[in-house]
Amino acid sequence: MKKTVCVLFGGKSAEYSISLRSCASVLRNIDRDKFDIITIGITSDGVWYLYDGSIENIENDTWHNGDLKRVCIDHNALEPYILVLDGKSYTKIKADVFFPVLHGTNGEDGRLQGIFDMAGVKYVGVGTLCSAVGMDKEYSKIVFEHAGIAQADWVTVHSYDDRDVKIAEIENKFQYPVFVKPANAGSSYGIGKAKTRAELVSAMDNAFKYDKKILVEELLTGHEVECAVLGNSGNVIASTVGEVVADEEFYTFDSKYSSTSKSQLHIPALISESAIENVRAEAVKAFEALSGRGLSRVDFFVDGEDVKINEINTLPGFTSISMYPKLFAYCGIEYKELLTRLVELACEE
């Protein structure tokens, strides 16, 4: 008997547009001989709608035009349903598994996962705790430090901190250049590289546009590599390691997603076999340190045999150019099979 999978996309997030691309790829590749599909679109204002139109309209962001019915999840763990609202009445739709294809705030930070947990539904991907901690770069660093995973040193800066005091702390601790990142953002939004104090101030101002808390990190050099992990606790596998050679000074949003980007992907990465195996082992270690399940992509810097974690992405991109599916495709798990495994892992969990 076919299971019903509810795919969610969009969301009130700076990464809304990336979600649309990821969702289109998922819908084109998911095995419809095994699964019936329901689709819920969430507008950039956070309104949930049942969507049954074309995939192309998701890609070009016209999916929300027209007469759509609002939906919500019935928080009844004994008998969870999707409630389709029609004026003062509603109908119920049953879904066996929810597949969130949302990135960033309100999709990858534990809030949506908390809704699923309260409703008692099965869903693809990591749980509430892993989502929340993995999204916050400061707290994930604290966990990685406790787990003994090497990483860049950092200084946390809040919007309410005395800026001059923090800059003095940063300059006493690090040499320029440094990297500046919002604590809670993905797809390289708000990331900047500062070579001087003036550039540091400018980069901090930009990062604060995306979050009230930012991190300033020491510079890591070497190969920027990524490793995909798949599985539930105690049975996690790691893909081979891929490398991004950015067409800009560092891997920006445009380098990742622009159609004119000349960034290059190398699978396997251009590092030694021993470094690849080290990255794979550290990726699983980081995933399990956060109590991960289902999937994540873990990013590292590799300089010779020195491996340091950069960050974890608990709901990585699934666009046609995204590294996560490409890494497992290289290992023999094609896109359609990968999606099937993710749904099966959600049911298993």
C-alpha atoms as a PDB file:
ATOM      1  CA  MET A   1       0.000   0.000   0.000  1.00  0.00           C
ATOM      2  CA  LYS A   2       1.382   3.402  -0.997  1.00  0.00           C
ATOM      3  CA  LYS A   3       2.252   5.837   1.755  1.00  0.00           C
ATOM      4  CA  THR A   4       1.127   9.462   1.534  1.00  0.00           C
ATOM      5  CA  VAL A   5       3.957  11.977   1.806  1.00  0.00           C
ATOM      6  CA  CYS A   6       3.203  15.638   2.481  1.00  0.00           C
ATOM      7  CA  VAL A   7       5.933  17.863   1.026  1.00  0.00           C
ATOM      8  CA  LEU A   8       6.185  21.351   2.515  1.00  0.00           C
ATOM      9  CA  PHE A   9       7.990  24.265   0.880  1.00  0.00           C
ATOM     10  CA  GLY A  10       8.478  28.027   1.099  1.00  0.00           C
ATOM     11  CA  GLY A  11       8.324  29.573   4.537  1.00  0.00           C
ATOM     12  CA  LYS A  12       8.971  32.853   6.283  1.00  0.00           C
ATOM     13  CA  SER A  13      12.723  32.838   5.758  1.00  0.00           C
ATOM     14  CA  ALA A  14      15.483  34.601   3.871  1.00  0.00           C
ATOM     15  CA  GLU A  15      15.993  31.244   2.136  1.00  0.00           C
ATOM     16  CA  TYR A  16      12.443  31.088   0.771  1.00  0.00           C
ATOM     17  CA  SER A  17      13.597  31.121  -2.862  1.00  0.00           C
ATOM     18  CA  ILE A  18      16.041  28.263  -2.292  1.00  0.00           C
ATOM     19  CA  SER A  19      13.218  26.208  -0.778  1.00  0.00           C
ATOM     20  CA  LEU A  20      11.190  26.644  -3.964  1.00  0.00           C
ATOM     21  CA  ARG A  21      14.045  25.269  -6.061  1.00  0.00           C
ATOM     22  CA  SER A  22      14.670  22.379  -3.673  1.00  0.00           C
ATOM     23  CA  CYS A  23      10.985  21.459  -3.579  1.00  0.00           C
ATOM     24  CA  ALA A  24      10.708  21.440  -7.374  1.00  0.00           C
ATOM     25  CA  SER A  25      13.604  18.973  -7.556  1.00  0.00           C
ATOM     26  CA  VAL A  26      12.110  16.762  -4.843  1.00  0.00           C
ATOM     27  CA  LEU A  27       8.699  16.679  -6.531  1.00  0.00           C
ATOM     28  CA  ARG A  28      10.259  15.787  -9.883  1.00  0.00           C
ATOM     29  CA  ASN A  29      12.327  12.959  -8.454  1.00  0.00           C
ATOM     30  CA  ILE A  30      10.301  11.356  -5.665  1.00  0.00           C
ATOM     31  CA  ASP A  31       9.071   7.853  -6.521  1.00  0.00           C
ATOM     32  CA  ARG A  32       5.367   8.216  -7.253  1.00  0.00           C
ATOM     33  CA  ASP A  33       5.007   4.463  -7.700  1.00  0.00           C
ATOM     34  CA  LYS A  34       5.701   4.194  -3.961  1.00  0.00           C
ATOM     35  CA  PHE A  35       4.228   7.425  -2.628  1.00  0.00           C
ATOM     36  CA  ASP A  36       1.153   9.569  -3.056  1.00  0.00           C
ATOM     37  CA  ILE A  37       2.048  13.231  -2.738  1.00  0.00           C
ATOM     38  CA  ILE A  38       0.316  16.115  -0.972  1.00  0.00           C
ATOM     39  CA  THR A  39       1.952  19.522  -1.235  1.00  0.00           C
ATOM     40  CA  ILE A  40       1.706  22.394   1.237  1.00  0.00           C
ATOM     41  CA  GLY A  41       3.124  25.778   0.306  1.00  0.00           C
ATOM     42  CA  ILE A  42       3.981  28.334   2.977  1.00  0.00           C
ATOM     43  CA  THR A  43       4.115  31.932   1.808  1.00  0.00           C
ATOM     44  CA  SER A  44       6.912  34.304   2.742  1.00  0.00           C
ATOM     45  CA  ASP A  45       4.395  35.796   5.208  1.00  0.00           C
ATOM     46  CA  GLY A  46       3.976  32.408   6.891  1.00  0.00           C
ATOM     47  CA  VAL A  47       0.513  31.418   5.607  1.00  0.00           C
ATOM     48  CA  TRP A  48      -0.017  27.688   4.868  1.00  0.00           C
ATOM     49  CA  TYR A  49      -1.937  26.620   1.742  1.00  0.00           C
ATOM     50  CA  LEU A  50      -2.791  23.308   0.123  1.00  0.00           C
ATOM     51  CA  TYR A  51      -1.201  23.380  -3.330  1.00  0.00           C
ATOM     52  CA  ASP A  52      -1.950  21.048  -6.236  1.00  0.00           C
ATOM     53  CA  GLY A  53      -0.706  23.090  -9.195  1.00  0.00           C
ATOM     54  CA  SER A  54       2.307  22.754 -11.459  1.00  0.00           C
ATOM     55  CA  ILE A  55       5.881  22.354 -10.315  1.00  0.00           C
ATOM     56  CA  GLU A  56       6.864  25.178 -12.658  1.00  0.00           C
ATOM     57  CA  ASN A  57       4.695  27.614 -10.700  1.00  0.00           C
ATOM     58  CA  ILE A  58       6.579  26.691  -7.555  1.00  0.00           C
ATOM     59  CA  GLU A  59       9.886  27.430  -9.287  1.00  0.00           C
ATOM     60  CA  ASN A  60       8.779  30.830 -10.592  1.00  0.00           C
ATOM     61  CA  ASP A  61       7.003  31.713  -7.316  1.00  0.00           C
ATOM     62  CA  THR A  62       3.536  32.104  -8.787  1.00  0.00           C
ATOM     63  CA  TRP A  63       2.183  29.058  -6.940  1.00  0.00           C
ATOM     64  CA  HIS A  64       0.275  31.247  -4.450  1.00  0.00           C
ATOM     65  CA  ASN A  65      -1.699  33.083  -7.161  1.00  0.00           C
ATOM     66  CA  GLY A  66      -5.285  31.955  -7.364  1.00  0.00           C
ATOM     67  CA  ASP A  67      -7.882  30.511  -5.018  1.00  0.00           C
ATOM     68  CA  LEU A  68      -6.044  28.276  -2.545  1.00  0.00           C
ATOM     69  CA  LYS A  69      -7.371  26.715   0.626  1.00  0.00           C
ATOM     70  CA  ARG A  70      -5.602  27.315   3.907  1.00  0.00           C
ATOM     71  CA  VAL A  71      -4.433  24.348   5.923  1.00  0.00           C
ATOM     72  CA  CYS A  72      -3.068  23.532   9.361  1.00  0.00           C
ATOM     73  CA  ILE A  73      -1.962  20.426  11.221  1.00  0.00           C
ATOM     74  CA  ASP A  74      -4.406  19.014  13.747  1.00  0.00           C
ATOM     75  CA  HIS A  75      -2.498  18.689  17.031  1.00  0.00           C
ATOM     76  CA  ASN A  76      -3.996  15.350  17.982  1.00  0.00           C
ATOM     77  CA  ALA A  77      -1.216  12.824  18.494  1.00  0.00           C
ATOM     78  CA  LEU A  78      -3.710   9.932  18.581  1.00  0.00           C
ATOM     79  CA  GLU A  79      -5.109  10.755  15.144  1.00  0.00           C
ATOM     80  CA  PRO A  80      -3.149  13.536  13.394  1.00  0.00           C
ATOM     81  CA  TYR A  81      -4.575  15.031  10.214  1.00  0.00           C
ATOM     82  CA  ILE A  82      -4.072  17.949   7.877  1.00  0.00           C
ATOM     83  CA  LEU A  83      -7.107  20.204   8.235  1.00  0.00           C
ATOM     84  CA  VAL A  84      -8.163  21.888   5.000  1.00  0.00           C
ATOM     85  CA  LEU A  85     -10.120  25.030   5.860  1.00  0.00           C
ATOM     86  CA  ASP A  86     -13.099  26.086   3.749  1.00  0.00           C
ATOM     87  CA  GLY A  87     -14.935  29.000   5.295  1.00  0.00           C
ATOM     88  CA  LYS A  88     -16.344  27.818   8.610  1.00  0.00           C
ATOM     89  CA  SER A  89     -15.955  24.127   7.760  1.00  0.00           C
ATOM     90  CA  TYR A  90     -12.985  21.861   7.168  1.00  0.00           C
ATOM     91  CA  THR A  91     -12.053  18.516   5.701  1.00  0.00           C
ATOM     92  CA  LYS A  92      -9.373  16.109   6.869  1.00  0.00           C
ATOM     93  CA  ILE A  93      -6.463  14.676   4.881  1.00  0.00           C
ATOM     94  CA  LYS A  94      -4.272  11.922   6.235  1.00  0.00           C
ATOM     95  CA  ALA A  95      -0.507  11.986   5.625  1.00  0.00           C
ATOM     96  CA  ASP A  96       1.829   9.210   6.709  1.00  0.00           C
ATOM     97  CA  VAL A  97       5.018  11.269   6.568  1.00  0.00           C
ATOM     98  CA  PHE A  98       5.801  14.975   6.328  1.00  0.00           C
ATOM     99  CA  PHE A  99       8.776  15.997   4.196  1.00  0.00           C
ATOM    100  CA  PRO A 100       9.845  19.569   4.999  1.00  0.00           C
ATOM    101  CA  VAL A 101      11.854  21.110   2.177  1.00  0.00           C
ATOM    102  CA  LEU A 102      12.401  24.414   3.951  1.00  0.00           C
ATOM    103  CA  HIS A 103      15.682  26.103   4.763  1.00  0.00           C
ATOM    104  CA  GLY A 104      16.687  28.573   7.445  1.00  0.00           C
ATOM    105  CA  THR A 105      14.399  30.328   9.902  1.00  0.00           C
ATOM    106  CA  ASN A 106      11.037  28.681  10.674  1.00  0.00           C
ATOM    107  CA  GLY A 107      11.957  25.569   8.718  1.00  0.00           C
ATOM    108  CA  GLU A 108      15.385  24.421   9.824  1.00  0.00           C
ATOM    109  CA  ASP A 109      15.631  25.908  13.304  1.00  0.00           C
ATOM    110  CA  GLY A 110      13.399  23.525  15.264  1.00  0.00           C
ATOM    111  CA  ARG A 111      10.155  25.488  15.147  1.00  0.00           C
ATOM    112  CA  LEU A 112       8.532  23.402  12.424  1.00  0.00           C
ATOM    113  CA  GLN A 113       9.939  20.214  13.939  1.00  0.00           C
ATOM    114  CA  GLY A 114       8.350  21.200  17.263  1.00  0.00           C
ATOM    115  CA  ILE A 115       4.980  21.501  15.530  1.00  0.00           C
ATOM    116  CA  PHE A 116       5.435  18.028  14.070  1.00  0.00           C
ATOM    117  CA  ASP A 117       6.445  16.590  17.444  1.00  0.00           C
ATOM    118  CA  MET A 118       3.451  18.134  19.209  1.00  0.00           C
ATOM    119  CA  ALA A 119       1.137  16.796  16.521  1.00  0.00           C
ATOM    120  CA  GLY A 120       2.670  13.332  16.809  1.00  0.00           C
ATOM    121  CA  VAL A 121       3.470  12.973  13.114  1.00  0.00           C
ATOM    122  CA  LYS A 122       6.421  11.326  11.390  1.00  0.00           C
ATOM    123  CA  TYR A 123       8.719  13.612   9.441  1.00  0.00           C
ATOM    124  CA  VAL A 124      11.880  13.540   7.380  1.00  0.00           C
ATOM    125  CA  GLY A 125      15.024  14.937   8.940  1.00  0.00           C
ATOM    126  CA  VAL A 126      16.468  15.767  12.306  1.00  0.00           C
ATOM    127  CA  GLY A 127      14.401  16.466  15.403  1.00  0.00           C
ATOM    128  CA  THR A 128      13.653  19.662  17.289  1.00  0.00           C
ATOM    129  CA  LEU A 129      16.805  19.740  19.414  1.00  0.00           C
ATOM    130  CA  CYS A 130      19.221  18.989  16.586  1.00  0.00           C
ATOM    131  CA  SER A 131      17.475  21.530  14.353  1.00  0.00           C
ATOM    132  CA  ALA A 132      17.634  24.303  16.934  1.00  0.00           C
ATOM    133  CA  VAL A 133      21.217  23.696  18.024  1.00  0.00           C
ATOM    134  CA  GLY A 134      22.446  23.003  14.489  1.00  0.00           C
ATOM    135  CA  MET A 135      20.938  26.241  13.215  1.00  0.00           C
ATOM    136  CA  ASP A 136      22.632  28.345  15.890  1.00  0.00           C
ATOM    137  CA  LYS A 137      26.313  28.491  14.995  1.00  0.00           C
ATOM    138  CA  GLU A 138      27.352  29.449  18.525  1.00  0.00           C
ATOM    139  CA  TYR A 139      25.587  26.561  20.249  1.00  0.00           C
ATOM    140  CA  SER A 140      26.638  24.020  17.645  1.00  0.00           C
ATOM    141  CA  LYS A 141      30.230  25.164  18.214  1.00  0.00           C
ATOM    142  CA  ILE A 142      29.807  24.598  21.951  1.00  0.00           C
ATOM    143  CA  VAL A 143      28.565  21.052  21.315  1.00  0.00           C
ATOM    144  CA  PHE A 144      31.361  20.339  18.831  1.00  0.00           C
ATOM    145  CA  GLU A 145      33.933  21.654  21.292  1.00  0.00           C
ATOM    146  CA  HIS A 146      32.570  19.355  23.988  1.00  0.00           C
ATOM    147  CA  ALA A 147      32.671  16.425  21.537  1.00  0.00           C
ATOM    148  CA  GLY A 148      36.323  17.102  20.754  1.00  0.00           C
ATOM    149  CA  ILE A 149      35.777  18.135  17.138  1.00  0.00           C
ATOM    150  CA  ALA A 150      38.385  20.626  15.891  1.00  0.00           C
ATOM    151  CA  GLN A 151      37.031  23.939  14.608  1.00  0.00           C
ATOM    152  CA  ALA A 152      37.804  27.636  14.190  1.00  0.00           C
ATOM    153  CA  ASP A 153      38.006  29.731  17.345  1.00  0.00           C
ATOM    154  CA  TRP A 154      35.390  32.474  17.621  1.00  0.00           C
ATOM    155  CA  VAL A 155      34.020  35.513  19.413  1.00  0.00           C
ATOM    156  CA  THR A 156      30.263  35.942  19.860  1.00  0.00           C
ATOM    157  CA  VAL A 157      28.863  39.455  19.471  1.00  0.00           C
ATOM    158  CA  HIS A 158      25.298  40.445  20.397  1.00  0.00           C
ATOM    159  CA  SER A 159      23.530  43.499  19.067  1.00  0.00           C
ATOM    160  CA  TYR A 160      23.423  44.936  22.579  1.00  0.00           C
ATOM    161  CA  ASP A 161      27.159  44.517  23.205  1.00  0.00           C
ATOM    162  CA  ASP A 162      29.525  47.485  23.332  1.00  0.00           C
ATOM    163  CA  ARG A 163      30.894  47.377  19.796  1.00  0.00           C
ATOM    164  CA  ASP A 164      34.256  48.974  20.637  1.00  0.00           C
ATOM    165  CA  VAL A 165      34.869  46.515  23.476  1.00  0.00           C
ATOM    166  CA  LYS A 166      34.063  43.568  21.228  1.00  0.00           C
ATOM    167  CA  ILE A 167      36.272  44.820  18.400  1.00  0.00           C
ATOM    168  CA  ALA A 168      39.134  45.160  20.876  1.00  0.00           C
ATOM    169  CA  GLU A 169      38.515  41.572  22.028  1.00  0.00           C
ATOM    170  CA  ILE A 170      38.487  40.345  18.439  1.00  0.00           C
ATOM    171  CA  GLU A 171      41.701  42.179  17.534  1.00  0.00           C
ATOM    172  CA  ASN A 172      43.448  40.909  20.665  1.00  0.00           C
ATOM    173  CA  LYS A 173      42.433  37.344  19.868  1.00  0.00           C
ATOM    174  CA  PHE A 174      42.844  37.134  16.089  1.00  0.00           C
ATOM    175  CA  GLN A 175      44.933  38.461  13.247  1.00  0.00           C
ATOM    176  CA  TYR A 176      43.145  39.870  10.220  1.00  0.00           C
ATOM    177  CA  PRO A 177      41.515  38.652   8.066  1.00  0.00           C
ATOM    178  CA  VAL A 178      38.539  37.243   9.987  1.00  0.00           C
ATOM    179  CA  PHE A 179      35.147  35.923   8.971  1.00  0.00           C
ATOM    180  CA  VAL A 180      31.882  37.425  10.204  1.00  0.00           C
ATOM    181  CA  LYS A 181      28.671  35.359  10.227  1.00  0.00           C
ATOM    182  CA  PRO A 182      25.117  35.703  11.516  1.00  0.00           C
ATOM    183  CA  ALA A 183      24.591  33.052  14.182  1.00  0.00           C
ATOM    184  CA  ASN A 184      21.328  31.874  12.611  1.00  0.00           C
ATOM    185  CA  ALA A 185      21.374  32.043   8.822  1.00  0.00           C
ATOM    186  CA  GLY A 186      22.183  29.763   5.925  1.00  0.00           C
ATOM    187  CA  SER A 187      23.034  29.861   2.213  1.00  0.00           C
ATOM    188  CA  SER A 188      25.896  32.260   3.040  1.00  0.00           C
ATOM    189  CA  TYR A 189      23.506  35.131   3.820  1.00  0.00           C
ATOM    190  CA  GLY A 190      25.247  37.907   5.726  1.00  0.00           C
ATOM    191  CA  ILE A 191      28.717  36.341   5.684  1.00  0.00           C
ATOM    192  CA  GLY A 192      31.669  38.667   5.204  1.00  0.00           C
ATOM    193  CA  LYS A 193      35.462  38.580   5.227  1.00  0.00           C
ATOM    194  CA  ALA A 194      37.227  41.479   6.944  1.00  0.00           C
ATOM    195  CA  LYS A 195      40.865  42.382   6.351  1.00  0.00           C
ATOM    196  CA  THR A 196      40.838  45.618   8.335  1.00  0.00           C
ATOM    197  CA  ARG A 197      38.979  47.213  11.228  1.00  0.00           C
ATOM    198  CA  ALA A 198      36.883  49.266   8.806  1.00  0.00           C
ATOM    199  CA  GLU A 199      35.908  46.119   6.902  1.00  0.00           C
ATOM    200  CA  LEU A 200      35.145  44.393  10.204  1.00  0.00           C
ATOM    201  CA  VAL A 201      32.720  47.138  11.200  1.00  0.00           C
ATOM    202  CA  SER A 202      31.049  46.990   7.786  1.00  0.00           C
ATOM    203  CA  ALA A 203      30.806  43.178   7.869  1.00  0.00           C
ATOM    204  CA  MET A 204      29.334  43.252  11.371  1.00  0.00           C
ATOM    205  CA  ASP A 205      26.725  45.813  10.307  1.00  0.00           C
ATOM    206  CA  ASN A 206      25.735  43.577   7.395  1.00  0.00           C
ATOM    207  CA  ALA A 207      25.591  40.406   9.510  1.00  0.00           C
ATOM    208  CA  PHE A 208      23.345  42.132  12.060  1.00  0.00           C
ATOM    209  CA  LYS A 209      20.777  42.604   9.295  1.00  0.00           C
ATOM    210  CA  TYR A 210      20.152  38.852   9.498  1.00  0.00           C
ATOM    211  CA  ASP A 211      20.436  38.137  13.215  1.00  0.00           C
ATOM    212  CA  LYS A 212      20.831  39.813  16.608  1.00  0.00           C
ATOM    213  CA  LYS A 213      23.796  37.578  17.338  1.00  0.00           C
ATOM    214  CA  ILE A 214      26.850  37.163  15.126  1.00  0.00           C
ATOM    215  CA  LEU A 215      30.112  35.245  15.230  1.00  0.00           C
ATOM    216  CA  VAL A 216      33.558  36.498  14.309  1.00  0.00           C
ATOM    217  CA  GLU A 217      35.870  33.603  13.507  1.00  0.00           C
ATOM    218  CA  GLU A 218      39.557  33.151  12.941  1.00  0.00           C
ATOM    219  CA  LEU A 219      40.495  32.519   9.316  1.00  0.00           C
ATOM    220  CA  LEU A 220      40.672  28.887   8.263  1.00  0.00           C
ATOM    221  CA  THR A 221      42.591  28.081   5.100  1.00  0.00           C
ATOM    222  CA  GLY A 222      42.676  25.074   2.834  1.00  0.00           C
ATOM    223  CA  HIS A 223      40.063  23.134   0.914  1.00  0.00           C
ATOM    224  CA  GLU A 224      36.409  23.869   1.642  1.00  0.00           C
ATOM    225  CA  VAL A 225      34.749  20.459   1.582  1.00  0.00           C
ATOM    226  CA  GLU A 226      31.352  18.938   2.308  1.00  0.00           C
ATOM    227  CA  CYS A 227      30.188  15.505   3.428  1.00  0.00           C
ATOM    228  CA  ALA A 228      26.627  14.150   3.410  1.00  0.00           C
ATOM    229  CA  VAL A 229      25.336  11.847   6.139  1.00  0.00           C
ATOM    230  CA  LEU A 230      22.303   9.579   6.051  1.00  0.00           C
ATOM    231  CA  GLY A 231      20.700   7.378   8.680  1.00  0.00           C
ATOM    232  CA  ASN A 232      19.255   7.167  12.161  1.00  0.00           C
ATOM    233  CA  SER A 233      21.108   6.908  15.445  1.00  0.00           C
ATOM    234  CA  GLY A 234      23.549   4.029  15.523  1.00  0.00           C
ATOM    235  CA  ASN A 235      23.304   3.374  11.783  1.00  0.00           C
ATOM    236  CA  VAL A 236      24.631   6.469  10.031  1.00  0.00           C
ATOM    237  CA  ILE A 237      26.588   6.391   6.774  1.00  0.00           C
ATOM    238  CA  ALA A 238      28.718   9.132   5.276  1.00  0.00           C
ATOM    239  CA  SER A 239      29.096   9.871   1.588  1.00  0.00           C
ATOM    240  CA  THR A 240      32.353  10.610  -0.116  1.00  0.00           C
ATOM    241  CA  VAL A 241      33.636  14.163   0.297  1.00  0.00           C
ATOM    242  CA  GLY A 242      33.020  16.939  -2.211  1.00  0.00           C
ATOM    243  CA  GLU A 243      34.874  20.198  -2.661  1.00  0.00           C
ATOM    244  CA  VAL A 244      33.720  23.640  -3.709  1.00  0.00           C
ATOM    245  CA  VAL A 245      36.172  25.849  -5.565  1.00  0.00           C
ATOM    246  CA  ALA A 246      34.441  29.225  -5.358  1.00  0.00           C
ATOM    247  CA  ASP A 247      34.556  31.746  -8.173  1.00  0.00           C
ATOM    248  CA  GLU A 248      34.798  34.498  -5.561  1.00  0.00           C
ATOM    249  CA  GLU A 249      37.080  35.071  -2.593  1.00  0.00           C
ATOM    250  CA  PHE A 250      34.834  32.832  -0.509  1.00  0.00           C
ATOM    251  CA  TYR A 251      31.665  30.803  -1.084  1.00  0.00           C
ATOM    252  CA  THR A 252      28.949  33.485  -1.268  1.00  0.00           C
ATOM    253  CA  PHE A 253      25.231  33.136  -1.993  1.00  0.00           C
ATOM    254  CA  ASP A 254      25.823  34.002  -5.664  1.00  0.00           C
ATOM    255  CA  SER A 255      28.650  31.477  -5.888  1.00  0.00           C
ATOM    256  CA  LYS A 256      26.234  28.810  -4.664  1.00  0.00           C
ATOM    257  CA  TYR A 257      23.083  29.596  -6.601  1.00  0.00           C
ATOM    258  CA  SER A 258      23.649  32.076  -9.431  1.00  0.00           C
ATOM    259  CA  SER A 259      23.217  30.685 -12.931  1.00  0.00           C
ATOM    260  CA  THR A 260      26.305  32.675 -13.964  1.00  0.00           C
ATOM    261  CA  SER A 261      28.473  31.286 -11.162  1.00  0.00           C
ATOM    262  CA  LYS A 262      31.715  29.664 -12.261  1.00  0.00           C
ATOM    263  CA  SER A 263      32.263  27.857  -8.967  1.00  0.00           C
ATOM    264  CA  GLN A 264      33.455  24.298  -9.503  1.00  0.00           C
ATOM    265  CA  LEU A 265      32.450  21.130  -7.671  1.00  0.00           C
ATOM    266  CA  HIS A 266      34.915  18.284  -7.324  1.00  0.00           C
ATOM    267  CA  ILE A 267      33.635  14.869  -6.259  1.00  0.00           C
ATOM    268  CA  PRO A 268      35.719  13.404  -4.673  1.00  0.00           C
ATOM    269  CA  ALA A 269      37.420  16.421  -3.148  1.00  0.00           C
ATOM    270  CA  LEU A 270      40.987  17.268  -4.135  1.00  0.00           C
ATOM    271  CA  ILE A 271      42.417  16.056  -0.841  1.00  0.00           C
ATOM    272  CA  SER A 272      44.191  12.877   0.264  1.00  0.00           C
ATOM    273  CA  GLU A 273      42.361   9.592   0.828  1.00  0.00           C
ATOM    274  CA  SER A 274      43.294   9.715   4.519  1.00  0.00           C
ATOM    275  CA  ALA A 275      41.846  13.242   4.831  1.00  0.00           C
ATOM    276  CA  ILE A 276      38.643  12.093   3.101  1.00  0.00           C
ATOM    277  CA  GLU A 277      38.252   9.267   5.597  1.00  0.00           C
ATOM    278  CA  ASN A 278      38.921  11.666   8.474  1.00  0.00           C
ATOM    279  CA  VAL A 279      36.255  14.066   7.183  1.00  0.00           C
ATOM    280  CA  ARG A 280      33.744  11.202   6.838  1.00  0.00           C
ATOM    281  CA  ALA A 281      34.377  10.063  10.384  1.00  0.00           C
ATOM    282  CA  GLU A 282      34.136  13.585  11.797  1.00  0.00           C
ATOM    283  CA  ALA A 283      30.909  14.223   9.872  1.00  0.00           C
ATOM    284  CA  VAL A 284      29.226  11.229  11.514  1.00  0.00           C
ATOM    285  CA  LYS A 285      30.678  12.258  14.885  1.00  0.00           C
ATOM    286  CA  ALA A 286      29.270  15.793  14.565  1.00  0.00           C
ATOM    287  CA  PHE A 287      25.870  14.485  13.417  1.00  0.00           C
ATOM    288  CA  GLU A 288      25.590  12.105  16.347  1.00  0.00           C
ATOM    289  CA  ALA A 289      26.867  14.733  18.815  1.00  0.00           C
ATOM    290  CA  LEU A 290      23.745  16.749  17.963  1.00  0.00           C
ATOM    291  CA  SER A 291      21.478  13.664  18.133  1.00  0.00           C
ATOM    292  CA  GLY A 292      20.902  13.862  14.389  1.00  0.00           C
ATOM    293  CA  ARG A 293      18.671  11.566  12.398  1.00  0.00           C
ATOM    294  CA  GLY A 294      17.710  11.273   8.752  1.00  0.00           C
ATOM    295  CA  LEU A 295      20.109  13.601   7.011  1.00  0.00           C
ATOM    296  CA  SER A 296      22.554  16.460   7.248  1.00  0.00           C
ATOM    297  CA  ARG A 297      25.453  17.931   5.303  1.00  0.00           C
ATOM    298  CA  VAL A 298      28.572  18.715   7.301  1.00  0.00           C
ATOM    299  CA  ASP A 299      31.112  21.246   6.021  1.00  0.00           C
ATOM    300  CA  PHE A 300      34.832  21.303   6.800  1.00  0.00           C
ATOM    301  CA  PHE A 301      38.107  23.023   5.999  1.00  0.00           C
ATOM    302  CA  VAL A 302      40.995  20.705   5.167  1.00  0.00           C
ATOM    303  CA  ASP A 303      44.604  21.897   5.126  1.00  0.00           C
ATOM    304  CA  GLY A 304      46.872  18.951   4.388  1.00  0.00           C
ATOM    305  CA  GLU A 305      45.840  16.369   6.974  1.00  0.00           C
ATOM    306  CA  ASP A 306      44.361  18.995   9.313  1.00  0.00           C
ATOM    307  CA  VAL A 307      40.552  18.758   9.369  1.00  0.00           C
ATOM    308  CA  LYS A 308      38.331  21.350  11.058  1.00  0.00           C
ATOM    309  CA  ILE A 309      34.546  21.507  11.015  1.00  0.00           C
ATOM    310  CA  ASN A 310      32.919  24.643   9.645  1.00  0.00           C
ATOM    311  CA  GLU A 311      29.211  23.984  10.237  1.00  0.00           C
ATOM    312  CA  ILE A 312      26.381  21.490   9.940  1.00  0.00           C
ATOM    313  CA  ASN A 313      23.362  21.949   7.662  1.00  0.00           C
ATOM    314  CA  THR A 314      20.497  19.886   9.030  1.00  0.00           C
ATOM    315  CA  LEU A 315      18.212  20.511   6.035  1.00  0.00           C
ATOM    316  CA  PRO A 316      20.625  20.879   3.117  1.00  0.00           C
ATOM    317  CA  GLY A 317      19.627  22.094  -0.308  1.00  0.00           C
ATOM    318  CA  PHE A 318      17.962  19.665  -2.717  1.00  0.00           C
ATOM    319  CA  THR A 319      18.192  21.787  -5.851  1.00  0.00           C
ATOM    320  CA  SER A 320      19.452  20.302  -9.109  1.00  0.00           C
ATOM    321  CA  ILE A 321      22.942  21.628  -8.298  1.00  0.00           C
ATOM    322  CA  SER A 322      22.992  20.880  -4.565  1.00  0.00           C
ATOM    323  CA  MET A 323      25.916  18.950  -3.112  1.00  0.00           C
ATOM    324  CA  TYR A 324      23.919  16.606  -0.837  1.00  0.00           C
ATOM    325  CA  PRO A 325      22.230  14.525  -3.572  1.00  0.00           C
ATOM    326  CA  LYS A 326      25.313  14.759  -5.791  1.00  0.00           C
ATOM    327  CA  LEU A 327      27.537  13.238  -3.100  1.00  0.00           C
ATOM    328  CA  PHE A 328      25.292  10.225  -2.609  1.00  0.00           C
ATOM    329  CA  ALA A 329      24.760   9.846  -6.354  1.00  0.00           C
ATOM    330  CA  TYR A 330      28.532   9.423  -6.648  1.00  0.00           C
ATOM    331  CA  CYS A 331      28.271   6.671  -4.014  1.00  0.00           C
ATOM    332  CA  GLY A 332      25.597   4.870  -6.027  1.00  0.00           C
ATOM    333  CA  ILE A 333      22.473   6.182  -4.302  1.00  0.00           C
ATOM    334  CA  GLU A 334      20.594   8.084  -7.000  1.00  0.00           C
ATOM    335  CA  TYR A 335      18.240  10.971  -6.226  1.00  0.00           C
ATOM    336  CA  LYS A 336      15.005   8.924  -6.367  1.00  0.00           C
ATOM    337  CA  GLU A 337      16.390   6.183  -4.126  1.00  0.00           C
ATOM    338  CA  LEU A 338      17.804   8.794  -1.728  1.00  0.00           C
ATOM    339  CA  LEU A 339      14.375  10.374  -1.276  1.00  0.00           C
ATOM    340  CA  THR A 340      12.839   6.948  -0.695  1.00  0.00           C
ATOM    341  CA  ARG A 341      15.423   6.163   1.965  1.00  0.00           C
ATOM    342  CA  LEU A 342      14.725   9.461   3.728  1.00  0.00           C
ATOM    343  CA  VAL A 343      11.002   8.707   3.893  1.00  0.00           C
ATOM    344  CA  GLU A 344      11.725   5.182   5.131  1.00  0.00           C
ATOM    345  CA  LEU A 345      14.060   6.537   7.816  1.00  0.00           C
ATOM    346  CA  ALA A 346      11.290   8.889   8.988  1.00  0.00           C
ATOM    347  CA  CYS A 347       8.865   5.966   9.233  1.00  0.00           C
ATOM    348  CA  GLU A 348      11.466   3.888  11.059  1.00  0.00           C
ATOM    349  CA  GLU A 349      12.162   6.642  13.586  1.00  0.00           C
END
